[in-house]
């Protein structure tokens, strides 16, 4: 079994001169777009674009040493310690992606005419992401087969089960929004486990995605701003706590952790199957509270061809993004051990 070794220089800060901040901004935009849609995770995008381990490492550095640097007013050292330029560019892109895609994705997935093609596009993205992540994990020994294989299958079954859980809808309290933020952000940073899907199951996805429209219309502005602040606070707390655990797992059990994440990606694809029939009442995999039953098309018609084209387009987008934004180079900061 391959593990991620700890190198002697692991605790030293990498040289980030010449860091591509516009590139990180674009990576953040793609992550935000992914996080806005139930069924695909921003962590998947980060993994494919080769910034996942750097992201986990930076988040895990919001620790006691960071607080000591702040108390000592060592602002520059504190910024370097948490890789602030990288996180800032990425966060700005995520916000842009979320704001630009949340309402659009809500509308596209709610319309029966555009729903199958939208799902097919994201399914194509997930297929390409899964292949790119799984390719370097392919077992080379019998021991790796017996370790990585069952781990990936277990993760796939777990993710599949999560997508089958029924979702609910209600007006959440501030405490529940804080809890939802903690849980949802953990899923968002995990490749394959969609944070939006978790929020849908917890019953707050529709409520949260409806807030931007109310804000633009000037309705309940202060109330919604408080709700967003509480939700964001939950996200921040969950992110800091979970990133430390994830960093430990990636350092000590790198291959097994990656196999688990890859299996979760495959298992979560159920919710992105483009051929779904609306059955009426609330259920899993829905956007508007309608239960959708997956089926396999019996003939090759215009819709089926459109779905195939949309899936292919999603594949191409991921491969092109990988080439433009995710090409690995030796000694780049994103390739440093977590």
Protein backbone atom coordinates (compact mmCIF):
# COMPACT_ATOMS: atom_id res chain seq x y z
CA UNK A 1 0.00 0.00 0.00
CA UNK A 2 1.33 3.38 -0.96
CA UNK A 3 1.40 6.01 1.75
CA UNK A 4 2.29 9.67 1.64
CA UNK A 5 5.66 10.01 3.35
CA UNK A 6 6.51 12.82 5.67
CA UNK A 7 9.54 14.65 4.39
CA UNK A 8 12.08 16.48 6.52
CA UNK A 9 11.08 19.84 5.10
CA UNK A 10 7.38 19.34 5.66
CA UNK A 11 7.07 22.06 8.28
CA UNK A 12 8.94 24.68 6.28
CA UNK A 13 7.02 27.21 4.25
CA UNK A 14 7.33 26.71 0.49
CA UNK A 15 8.60 29.34 -1.86
CA UNK A 16 5.52 30.77 -3.53
CA UNK A 17 7.20 33.39 -5.68
CA UNK A 18 5.49 33.60 -9.02
CA UNK A 19 2.31 31.98 -7.70
CA UNK A 20 -0.46 32.12 -10.29
CA UNK A 21 -3.17 33.98 -8.38
CA UNK A 22 -5.47 34.50 -11.44
CA UNK A 23 -5.21 30.77 -12.03
CA UNK A 24 -6.23 30.08 -8.44
CA UNK A 25 -9.14 32.49 -8.89
CA UNK A 26 -10.36 30.47 -11.89
CA UNK A 27 -9.93 27.23 -9.94
CA UNK A 28 -12.08 28.76 -7.21
CA UNK A 29 -14.77 29.71 -9.73
CA UNK A 30 -14.93 26.10 -10.93
CA UNK A 31 -15.12 24.87 -7.33
CA UNK A 32 -17.93 27.31 -6.56
CA UNK A 33 -19.90 26.20 -9.60
CA UNK A 34 -19.48 22.57 -8.55
CA UNK A 35 -20.48 23.22 -4.94
CA UNK A 36 -23.71 24.92 -6.02
CA UNK A 37 -25.10 21.76 -7.63
CA UNK A 38 -26.33 18.65 -5.74
CA UNK A 39 -24.31 15.69 -6.95
CA UNK A 40 -20.87 17.19 -7.59
CA UNK A 41 -18.31 18.41 -5.07
CA UNK A 42 -15.91 21.34 -5.14
CA UNK A 43 -13.38 19.02 -3.53
CA UNK A 44 -13.52 16.91 -6.68
CA UNK A 45 -12.55 19.93 -8.77
CA UNK A 46 -9.71 20.77 -6.38
CA UNK A 47 -8.46 17.20 -6.58
CA UNK A 48 -8.48 17.09 -10.37
CA UNK A 49 -6.79 20.50 -10.63
CA UNK A 50 -3.99 19.40 -8.28
CA UNK A 51 -4.65 21.89 -5.47
CA UNK A 52 -6.48 19.57 -3.06
CA UNK A 53 -3.59 18.72 -0.75
CA UNK A 54 -2.36 22.30 -0.71
CA UNK A 55 -5.89 23.43 0.19
CA UNK A 56 -6.16 20.94 3.05
CA UNK A 57 -2.72 21.89 4.33
CA UNK A 58 -3.50 25.62 4.27
CA UNK A 59 -6.81 25.17 6.09
CA UNK A 60 -5.22 22.97 8.75
CA UNK A 61 -2.73 25.77 9.52
CA UNK A 62 -5.45 27.87 11.18
CA UNK A 63 -4.10 26.62 14.50
CA UNK A 64 -2.40 27.75 17.68
CA UNK A 65 0.71 28.91 15.86
CA UNK A 66 -1.43 31.12 13.62
CA UNK A 67 -3.10 32.68 16.68
CA UNK A 68 0.29 33.28 18.32
CA UNK A 69 1.51 35.08 15.21
CA UNK A 70 -1.60 37.27 15.26
CA UNK A 71 -1.14 38.11 18.95
CA UNK A 72 2.50 39.02 18.24
CA UNK A 73 1.34 41.13 15.28
CA UNK A 74 3.49 39.14 12.89
CA UNK A 75 1.00 39.78 10.09
CA UNK A 76 3.25 38.73 7.22
CA UNK A 77 4.35 35.50 8.88
CA UNK A 78 0.74 34.71 9.78
CA UNK A 79 -0.32 35.23 6.16
CA UNK A 80 2.46 32.97 4.90
CA UNK A 81 1.66 30.34 7.53
CA UNK A 82 -1.91 29.88 6.24
CA UNK A 83 -0.99 30.46 2.57
CA UNK A 84 -3.31 33.49 2.57
CA UNK A 85 -2.69 34.61 -1.02
CA UNK A 86 -3.67 31.16 -2.28
CA UNK A 87 -6.72 30.86 0.00
CA UNK A 88 -7.83 34.42 -0.70
CA UNK A 89 -7.74 33.97 -4.48
CA UNK A 90 -9.47 30.61 -4.20
CA UNK A 91 -12.17 31.93 -1.85
CA UNK A 92 -12.90 34.90 -4.12
CA UNK A 93 -13.34 32.52 -7.04
CA UNK A 94 -15.59 30.19 -5.02
CA UNK A 95 -17.84 33.11 -4.06
CA UNK A 96 -18.04 34.23 -7.70
CA UNK A 97 -18.85 30.69 -8.83
CA UNK A 98 -21.51 30.21 -6.16
CA UNK A 99 -23.21 33.53 -6.82
CA UNK A 100 -23.19 33.08 -10.59
CA UNK A 101 -24.34 29.45 -10.62
CA UNK A 102 -26.67 28.92 -7.65
CA UNK A 103 -29.75 30.56 -9.15
CA UNK A 104 -28.96 29.32 -12.68
CA UNK A 105 -28.47 25.72 -11.55
CA UNK A 106 -31.69 25.94 -9.53
CA UNK A 107 -33.61 27.03 -12.62
CA UNK A 108 -31.99 24.55 -15.03
CA UNK A 109 -32.59 21.59 -12.73
CA UNK A 110 -36.16 22.69 -11.94
CA UNK A 111 -37.16 22.89 -15.61
CA UNK A 112 -38.06 19.46 -17.03
CA UNK A 113 -36.88 20.58 -20.48
CA UNK A 114 -33.31 21.41 -19.37
CA UNK A 115 -32.92 19.06 -16.39
CA UNK A 116 -31.64 15.95 -18.27
CA UNK A 117 -29.03 17.91 -20.22
CA UNK A 118 -27.83 19.74 -17.10
CA UNK A 119 -27.50 16.46 -15.22
CA UNK A 120 -25.73 14.89 -18.20
CA UNK A 121 -23.20 17.74 -18.31
CA UNK A 122 -22.31 17.27 -14.65
CA UNK A 123 -22.28 13.49 -15.06
CA UNK A 124 -19.68 13.88 -17.80
CA UNK A 125 -17.61 16.04 -15.49
CA UNK A 126 -17.80 13.46 -12.71
CA UNK A 127 -16.86 10.61 -15.07
CA UNK A 128 -13.77 12.46 -16.19
CA UNK A 129 -12.88 13.45 -12.62
CA UNK A 130 -13.24 9.88 -11.38
CA UNK A 131 -10.97 8.54 -14.08
CA UNK A 132 -8.30 11.19 -13.51
CA UNK A 133 -8.29 10.53 -9.76
CA UNK A 134 -8.41 6.73 -10.03
CA UNK A 135 -5.70 6.38 -12.68
CA UNK A 136 -2.67 6.90 -10.40
CA UNK A 137 -4.28 4.75 -7.69
CA UNK A 138 -4.49 1.61 -9.81
CA UNK A 139 -3.14 -1.22 -7.57
CA UNK A 140 0.19 -2.76 -8.54
CA UNK A 141 0.37 -5.55 -5.94
CA UNK A 142 -2.03 -8.08 -4.43
CA UNK A 143 -1.83 -6.27 -1.09
CA UNK A 144 -2.92 -3.02 -2.71
CA UNK A 145 -5.82 -4.81 -4.43
CA UNK A 146 -7.10 -6.16 -1.11
CA UNK A 147 -6.66 -2.81 0.61
CA UNK A 148 -7.67 -0.18 -1.93
CA UNK A 149 -10.40 -2.17 -3.69
CA UNK A 150 -12.68 -2.84 -0.69
CA UNK A 151 -12.07 0.70 0.57
CA UNK A 152 -13.28 2.19 -2.71
CA UNK A 153 -16.29 -0.15 -2.85
CA UNK A 154 -17.27 0.69 0.74
CA UNK A 155 -17.05 4.42 0.01
CA UNK A 156 -19.11 3.97 -3.16
CA UNK A 157 -21.86 2.14 -1.30
CA UNK A 158 -21.87 4.79 1.43
CA UNK A 159 -22.17 7.63 -1.10
CA UNK A 160 -24.90 5.73 -2.98
CA UNK A 161 -26.84 5.29 0.26
CA UNK A 162 -26.55 8.99 1.09
CA UNK A 163 -28.03 9.95 -2.30
CA UNK A 164 -31.03 7.69 -1.61
CA UNK A 165 -31.94 9.39 1.66
CA UNK A 166 -35.16 11.42 1.42
CA UNK A 167 -34.82 15.18 1.58
CA UNK A 168 -37.01 17.47 3.62
CA UNK A 169 -38.08 21.11 3.46
CA UNK A 170 -38.69 23.53 6.32
CA UNK A 171 -37.66 26.94 7.63
CA UNK A 172 -34.46 26.31 9.62
CA UNK A 173 -33.52 27.96 12.90
CA UNK A 174 -30.22 29.80 13.31
CA UNK A 175 -28.78 26.92 15.35
CA UNK A 176 -29.75 24.44 12.64
CA UNK A 177 -28.22 26.67 9.97
CA UNK A 178 -24.96 26.72 11.94
CA UNK A 179 -25.00 22.91 12.19
CA UNK A 180 -25.85 22.62 8.49
CA UNK A 181 -22.88 24.81 7.64
CA UNK A 182 -20.53 22.60 9.69
CA UNK A 183 -21.77 19.39 8.08
CA UNK A 184 -22.21 20.76 4.58
CA UNK A 185 -18.72 22.27 4.33
CA UNK A 186 -17.17 18.95 5.36
CA UNK A 187 -18.95 17.30 2.44
CA UNK A 188 -18.02 20.13 0.08
CA UNK A 189 -14.30 19.64 0.70
CA UNK A 190 -14.57 15.87 0.24
CA UNK A 191 -14.29 14.77 -3.40
CA UNK A 192 -17.36 12.82 -4.44
CA UNK A 193 -19.63 13.74 -1.53
CA UNK A 194 -21.68 16.72 -2.61
CA UNK A 195 -22.16 19.40 0.03
CA UNK A 196 -25.23 20.66 -1.84
CA UNK A 197 -26.72 17.15 -1.71
CA UNK A 198 -26.11 16.97 2.05
CA UNK A 199 -27.80 20.35 2.48
CA UNK A 200 -30.70 19.09 0.37
CA UNK A 201 -31.08 16.04 2.60
CA UNK A 202 -30.89 18.25 5.70
CA UNK A 203 -33.71 20.36 4.25
CA UNK A 204 -31.91 23.72 3.91
CA UNK A 205 -30.73 23.68 0.26
CA UNK A 206 -33.92 25.12 -1.23
CA UNK A 207 -34.14 27.68 1.56
CA UNK A 208 -30.54 28.86 1.12
CA UNK A 209 -30.69 28.98 -2.69
CA UNK A 210 -33.82 31.11 -2.44
CA UNK A 211 -32.09 33.77 -0.34
CA UNK A 212 -30.24 35.52 -3.24
CA UNK A 213 -33.54 36.17 -5.05
CA UNK A 214 -35.05 37.65 -1.87
CA UNK A 215 -32.00 39.87 -1.35
CA UNK A 216 -32.13 41.19 -4.91
CA UNK A 217 -35.83 41.88 -4.41
CA UNK A 218 -35.14 43.69 -1.13
CA UNK A 219 -37.14 41.22 0.97
CA UNK A 220 -36.10 40.37 4.57
CA UNK A 221 -32.62 41.70 3.89
CA UNK A 222 -31.36 41.94 7.49
CA UNK A 223 -32.91 38.61 8.46
CA UNK A 224 -31.31 36.82 5.51
CA UNK A 225 -27.94 38.49 6.08
CA UNK A 226 -27.94 37.22 9.67
CA UNK A 227 -28.83 33.73 8.45
CA UNK A 228 -26.02 33.79 5.89
CA UNK A 229 -23.55 35.00 8.53
CA UNK A 230 -24.55 32.17 10.90
CA UNK A 231 -24.32 29.59 8.10
CA UNK A 232 -20.91 30.93 7.05
CA UNK A 233 -19.72 30.76 10.68
CA UNK A 234 -20.72 27.10 10.80
CA UNK A 235 -18.84 26.50 7.57
CA UNK A 236 -15.72 28.14 8.98
CA UNK A 237 -15.76 26.12 12.21
CA UNK A 238 -16.41 22.85 10.38
CA UNK A 239 -13.71 23.59 7.83
CA UNK A 240 -11.01 24.28 10.42
CA UNK A 241 -11.85 21.17 12.46
CA UNK A 242 -12.32 18.77 9.54
CA UNK A 243 -9.29 19.93 7.56
CA UNK A 244 -6.97 18.88 10.41
CA UNK A 245 -8.41 15.36 10.41
CA UNK A 246 -8.21 15.16 6.63
CA UNK A 247 -4.61 16.36 6.64
CA UNK A 248 -3.70 13.61 9.13
CA UNK A 249 -5.39 10.94 6.98
CA UNK A 250 -3.68 12.14 3.81
CA UNK A 251 -0.30 12.14 5.51
CA UNK A 252 -0.55 8.76 7.26
CA UNK A 253 -2.89 6.81 4.96
CA UNK A 254 -2.62 8.62 1.65
CA UNK A 255 -3.46 5.81 -0.79
CA UNK A 256 -6.34 4.43 1.29
CA UNK A 257 -7.81 7.91 1.82
CA UNK A 258 -7.62 8.68 -1.90
CA UNK A 259 -9.22 5.32 -2.73
CA UNK A 260 -12.06 6.13 -0.32
CA UNK A 261 -12.58 9.55 -1.91
CA UNK A 262 -12.51 8.08 -5.40
CA UNK A 263 -15.09 5.44 -4.48
CA UNK A 264 -17.32 8.15 -3.03
CA UNK A 265 -17.12 10.03 -6.32
CA UNK A 266 -18.34 6.99 -8.26
CA UNK A 267 -21.10 6.17 -5.79
CA UNK A 268 -22.48 9.70 -5.81
CA UNK A 269 -23.05 9.64 -9.58
CA UNK A 270 -26.48 8.09 -9.03
CA UNK A 271 -28.01 11.50 -8.41
CA UNK A 272 -26.58 12.80 -11.71
CA UNK A 273 -28.15 10.09 -13.91
CA UNK A 274 -29.85 12.22 -16.62
CA UNK A 275 -32.82 9.94 -17.38
CA UNK A 276 -35.22 10.46 -14.49
CA UNK A 277 -39.00 10.34 -14.33
CA UNK A 278 -40.86 12.66 -11.95
CA UNK A 279 -43.16 10.73 -9.61
CA UNK A 280 -44.70 13.55 -7.62
CA UNK A 281 -43.96 13.72 -3.90
CA UNK A 282 -40.78 14.72 -2.16
CA UNK A 283 -37.88 12.32 -2.33
CA UNK A 284 -34.21 11.92 -2.98
CA UNK A 285 -32.30 13.52 -5.78
CA UNK A 286 -34.77 16.37 -6.20
CA UNK A 287 -34.49 20.08 -6.54
CA UNK A 288 -38.09 21.15 -6.13
CA UNK A 289 -39.23 18.41 -3.75
CA UNK A 290 -40.28 16.06 -6.57
CA UNK A 291 -39.30 12.41 -6.40
CA UNK A 292 -37.36 11.31 -9.50
CA UNK A 293 -37.09 7.66 -10.50
CA UNK A 294 -34.10 6.81 -12.76
CA UNK A 295 -34.72 4.77 -15.89
CA UNK A 296 -32.79 3.60 -18.94
CA UNK A 297 -33.91 4.98 -22.34
CA UNK A 298 -35.48 2.40 -24.66
CA UNK A 299 -34.66 4.18 -27.91
CA UNK A 300 -32.19 6.61 -29.41
CA UNK A 301 -34.13 9.84 -29.83
CA UNK A 302 -33.21 13.53 -29.86
CA UNK A 303 -33.20 13.75 -26.05
CA UNK A 304 -30.86 10.76 -25.76
CA UNK A 305 -28.52 12.24 -28.35
CA UNK A 306 -28.59 15.58 -26.56
CA UNK A 307 -27.75 13.87 -23.28
CA UNK A 308 -24.80 12.09 -24.90
CA UNK A 309 -23.54 15.37 -26.32
CA UNK A 310 -23.92 17.15 -22.97
CA UNK A 311 -22.05 14.33 -21.22
CA UNK A 312 -19.26 14.53 -23.77
CA UNK A 313 -19.09 18.28 -23.31
CA UNK A 314 -18.71 17.83 -19.55
CA UNK A 315 -15.86 15.38 -20.16
CA UNK A 316 -14.11 17.83 -22.47
CA UNK A 317 -14.49 20.70 -20.00
CA UNK A 318 -12.77 18.72 -17.23
CA UNK A 319 -9.93 17.51 -19.47
CA UNK A 320 -9.37 21.02 -20.84
CA UNK A 321 -9.45 22.53 -17.33
CA UNK A 322 -6.98 19.90 -16.18
CA UNK A 323 -4.59 20.82 -19.00
CA UNK A 324 -4.95 24.59 -18.52
CA UNK A 325 -5.11 24.83 -14.72
CA UNK A 326 -3.96 21.54 -13.31
CA UNK A 327 -0.72 20.59 -15.03
CA UNK A 328 1.78 19.36 -12.47
CA UNK A 329 5.33 20.63 -12.33
CA UNK A 330 8.07 19.48 -10.06
CA UNK A 331 8.40 21.37 -6.77
CA UNK A 332 5.24 23.36 -7.29
CA UNK A 333 3.61 24.26 -3.93
CA UNK A 334 0.50 22.22 -4.70
CA UNK A 335 2.62 19.08 -4.91
CA UNK A 336 4.23 19.52 -1.54
CA UNK A 337 3.29 16.93 1.08
CA UNK A 338 0.44 17.81 3.38
